[in-house]
Amino acid sequence: MEFQELFNMQAQLDSFIQQNQHIDRDVFLEKGLALTIELAELANETRCFKYWSTKGPSEREVLLEEFVDSIHFLLSLGNEKGYRLNAWPEMKKKENLTTWFLKTQEAILSFIHDPSEDHYLKVWEYYSVLAYNLGFTLDDIIQAYIEKNEKNYERQRNGY
């Protein structure tokens, strides 16, 4: 499966949720806030900022699931604004995670306040850096996205 196919999968899931939840209003801001929360949940699982603790990060599978939770909202926001990426942005930079979480948070907020395509692409670039530093490949991300996408459908069917 190609990366850009995830945009179509997300559009279908969003349509299903919209119908299932009877959503008839613009939820761009809610999706934007959800994206920032999912990024924070990922940072929390990495524990990269917890200088006061000796406990290590969560297991790789937990980190990857948190990562793709963000990807769901990032795809959804792009679909809503008509922005799509043709390919995963390969940004291979070995960087401090705390710094990149903060930069990514800033980029998300910039996009929410000024939803330009340039701001949107910047968020993807920063997510690519996070993925690289967390050791996630594009194949890992696609597979985890597919699994979580189906889980999200199941949640909707069961009254989540």
Protein backbone atom coordinates (compact mmCIF):
# COMPACT_ATOMS: atom_id res chain seq x y z
CA MET A 1 0.00 0.00 0.00
CA GLU A 2 1.18 3.49 -0.78
CA PHE A 3 1.24 6.29 1.77
CA GLN A 4 -1.18 8.53 -0.15
CA GLU A 5 -3.85 5.81 0.03
CA LEU A 6 -4.12 6.59 3.74
CA PHE A 7 -5.80 9.88 2.83
CA ASN A 8 -8.61 7.93 1.12
CA MET A 9 -8.93 5.53 4.04
CA GLN A 10 -9.18 8.47 6.43
CA ALA A 11 -11.79 10.21 4.28
CA GLN A 12 -13.91 7.05 4.38
CA LEU A 13 -13.52 6.75 8.16
CA ASP A 14 -14.37 10.42 8.65
CA SER A 15 -17.48 10.01 6.51
CA PHE A 16 -18.50 6.95 8.53
CA ILE A 17 -18.00 8.83 11.82
CA GLN A 18 -19.85 11.87 10.50
CA GLN A 19 -22.86 9.76 9.55
CA ASN A 20 -22.71 7.56 12.64
CA GLN A 21 -22.43 10.52 15.03
CA HIS A 22 -24.74 12.81 12.99
CA ILE A 23 -22.10 15.53 12.71
CA ASP A 24 -23.29 18.40 10.55
CA ARG A 25 -20.88 21.17 11.54
CA ASP A 26 -17.28 22.13 10.94
CA VAL A 27 -15.03 20.24 13.36
CA PHE A 28 -11.68 21.60 12.15
CA LEU A 29 -10.79 23.11 15.54
CA GLU A 30 -11.80 19.94 17.38
CA LYS A 31 -9.59 17.89 15.05
CA GLY A 32 -6.76 20.36 15.57
CA LEU A 33 -7.04 20.12 19.33
CA ALA A 34 -7.25 16.33 19.07
CA LEU A 35 -4.01 16.35 17.07
CA THR A 36 -2.22 18.37 19.76
CA ILE A 37 -3.54 16.00 22.45
CA GLU A 38 -2.41 12.93 20.52
CA LEU A 39 1.05 14.45 20.10
CA ALA A 40 1.17 15.07 23.85
CA GLU A 41 0.11 11.48 24.54
CA LEU A 42 2.94 10.27 22.31
CA ALA A 43 5.44 12.52 24.11
CA ASN A 44 4.16 11.21 27.43
CA GLU A 45 4.74 7.61 26.33
CA THR A 46 8.30 8.39 25.20
CA ARG A 47 9.00 10.00 28.59
CA CYS A 48 11.69 12.03 26.81
CA PHE A 49 10.99 15.13 28.90
CA LYS A 50 10.74 13.37 32.26
CA TYR A 51 14.19 14.29 33.52
CA TRP A 52 13.06 13.48 37.07
CA SER A 53 12.32 9.82 36.31
CA THR A 54 14.51 6.81 35.59
CA LYS A 55 11.68 4.81 34.03
CA GLY A 56 12.20 4.27 30.30
CA PRO A 57 9.78 4.78 27.41
CA SER A 58 6.77 2.59 26.75
CA GLU A 59 7.10 -0.40 24.46
CA ARG A 60 7.57 0.26 20.76
CA GLU A 61 4.05 -0.97 19.92
CA VAL A 62 2.51 1.55 22.33
CA LEU A 63 4.60 4.37 20.86
CA LEU A 64 3.65 3.39 17.31
CA GLU A 65 -0.06 3.25 18.15
CA GLU A 66 0.13 6.71 19.74
CA PHE A 67 2.01 7.97 16.69
CA VAL A 68 -0.66 6.74 14.26
CA ASP A 69 -3.40 8.22 16.44
CA SER A 70 -1.87 11.56 15.45
CA ILE A 71 -1.62 10.49 11.83
CA HIS A 72 -5.39 9.89 11.73
CA PHE A 73 -6.08 13.50 12.68
CA LEU A 74 -3.32 14.88 10.46
CA LEU A 75 -4.75 13.06 7.45
CA SER A 76 -8.25 14.19 8.36
CA LEU A 77 -7.20 17.83 8.61
CA GLY A 78 -5.49 17.61 5.23
CA ASN A 79 -8.55 16.07 3.64
CA GLU A 80 -10.71 18.81 5.11
CA LYS A 81 -8.53 21.55 3.60
CA GLY A 82 -7.84 19.72 0.33
CA TYR A 83 -4.15 19.13 1.10
CA ARG A 84 -2.56 15.79 0.28
CA LEU A 85 0.98 14.53 0.22
CA ASN A 86 2.16 12.39 -2.65
CA ALA A 87 4.78 10.68 -0.53
CA TRP A 88 6.02 10.42 3.03
CA PRO A 89 8.50 13.26 3.68
CA GLU A 90 11.84 11.59 4.39
CA MET A 91 13.40 13.78 7.08
CA LYS A 92 16.28 11.83 8.56
CA LYS A 93 17.62 14.03 11.33
CA LYS A 94 18.89 12.62 14.58
CA GLU A 95 17.51 15.10 17.08
CA ASN A 96 16.50 15.57 20.68
CA LEU A 97 12.91 14.33 21.01
CA THR A 98 11.86 17.02 23.46
CA THR A 99 12.95 19.71 21.02
CA TRP A 100 11.06 18.07 18.17
CA PHE A 101 7.90 17.56 20.17
CA LEU A 102 7.91 21.27 20.95
CA LYS A 103 8.64 22.21 17.33
CA THR A 104 5.88 19.88 16.14
CA GLN A 105 3.43 21.37 18.65
CA GLU A 106 4.30 24.85 17.36
CA ALA A 107 3.83 23.74 13.76
CA ILE A 108 0.42 22.24 14.56
CA LEU A 109 -0.72 25.43 16.27
CA SER A 110 0.53 27.50 13.34
CA PHE A 111 -1.49 25.32 10.99
CA ILE A 112 -4.62 25.54 13.15
CA HIS A 113 -4.41 29.35 13.28
CA ASP A 114 -3.38 29.73 9.63
CA PRO A 115 -4.35 26.57 7.75
CA SER A 116 -2.09 27.09 4.76
CA GLU A 117 -0.63 24.25 2.77
CA ASP A 118 2.90 25.33 3.77
CA HIS A 119 2.01 25.03 7.45
CA TYR A 120 0.40 21.66 6.81
CA LEU A 121 3.48 20.33 5.03
CA LYS A 122 5.70 21.57 7.87
CA VAL A 123 3.71 19.48 10.36
CA TRP A 124 4.27 16.39 8.21
CA GLU A 125 7.99 17.11 8.00
CA TYR A 126 8.19 17.31 11.78
CA TYR A 127 6.24 14.08 12.16
CA SER A 128 8.75 12.49 9.80
CA VAL A 129 11.59 13.59 12.07
CA LEU A 130 9.75 12.18 15.07
CA ALA A 131 9.19 8.88 13.24
CA TYR A 132 12.85 8.66 12.30
CA ASN A 133 13.98 9.34 15.85
CA LEU A 134 11.52 6.80 17.23
CA GLY A 135 12.74 4.19 14.74
CA PHE A 136 9.51 3.91 12.75
CA THR A 137 9.65 3.06 9.06
CA LEU A 138 6.99 4.03 6.57
CA ASP A 139 5.92 0.38 6.42
CA ASP A 140 5.54 0.36 10.23
CA ILE A 141 3.39 3.47 10.07
CA ILE A 142 1.18 2.22 7.24
CA GLN A 143 0.60 -1.16 8.89
CA ALA A 144 -0.15 0.40 12.29
CA TYR A 145 -2.47 2.94 10.65
CA ILE A 146 -4.44 0.17 8.90
CA GLU A 147 -4.81 -1.74 12.17
CA LYS A 148 -5.89 1.34 14.13
CA ASN A 149 -8.23 2.42 11.33
CA GLU A 150 -10.12 -0.87 11.63
CA LYS A 151 -10.15 -0.53 15.42
CA ASN A 152 -11.69 2.93 15.02
CA TYR A 153 -14.45 1.51 12.80
CA GLU A 154 -15.11 -1.16 15.41
CA ARG A 155 -15.30 1.47 18.14
CA GLN A 156 -17.88 3.41 16.14
CA ARG A 157 -19.94 0.27 15.58
CA ASN A 158 -19.90 -0.42 19.32
CA GLY A 159 -20.94 3.04 20.49
CA TYR A 160 -17.51 4.49 21.37
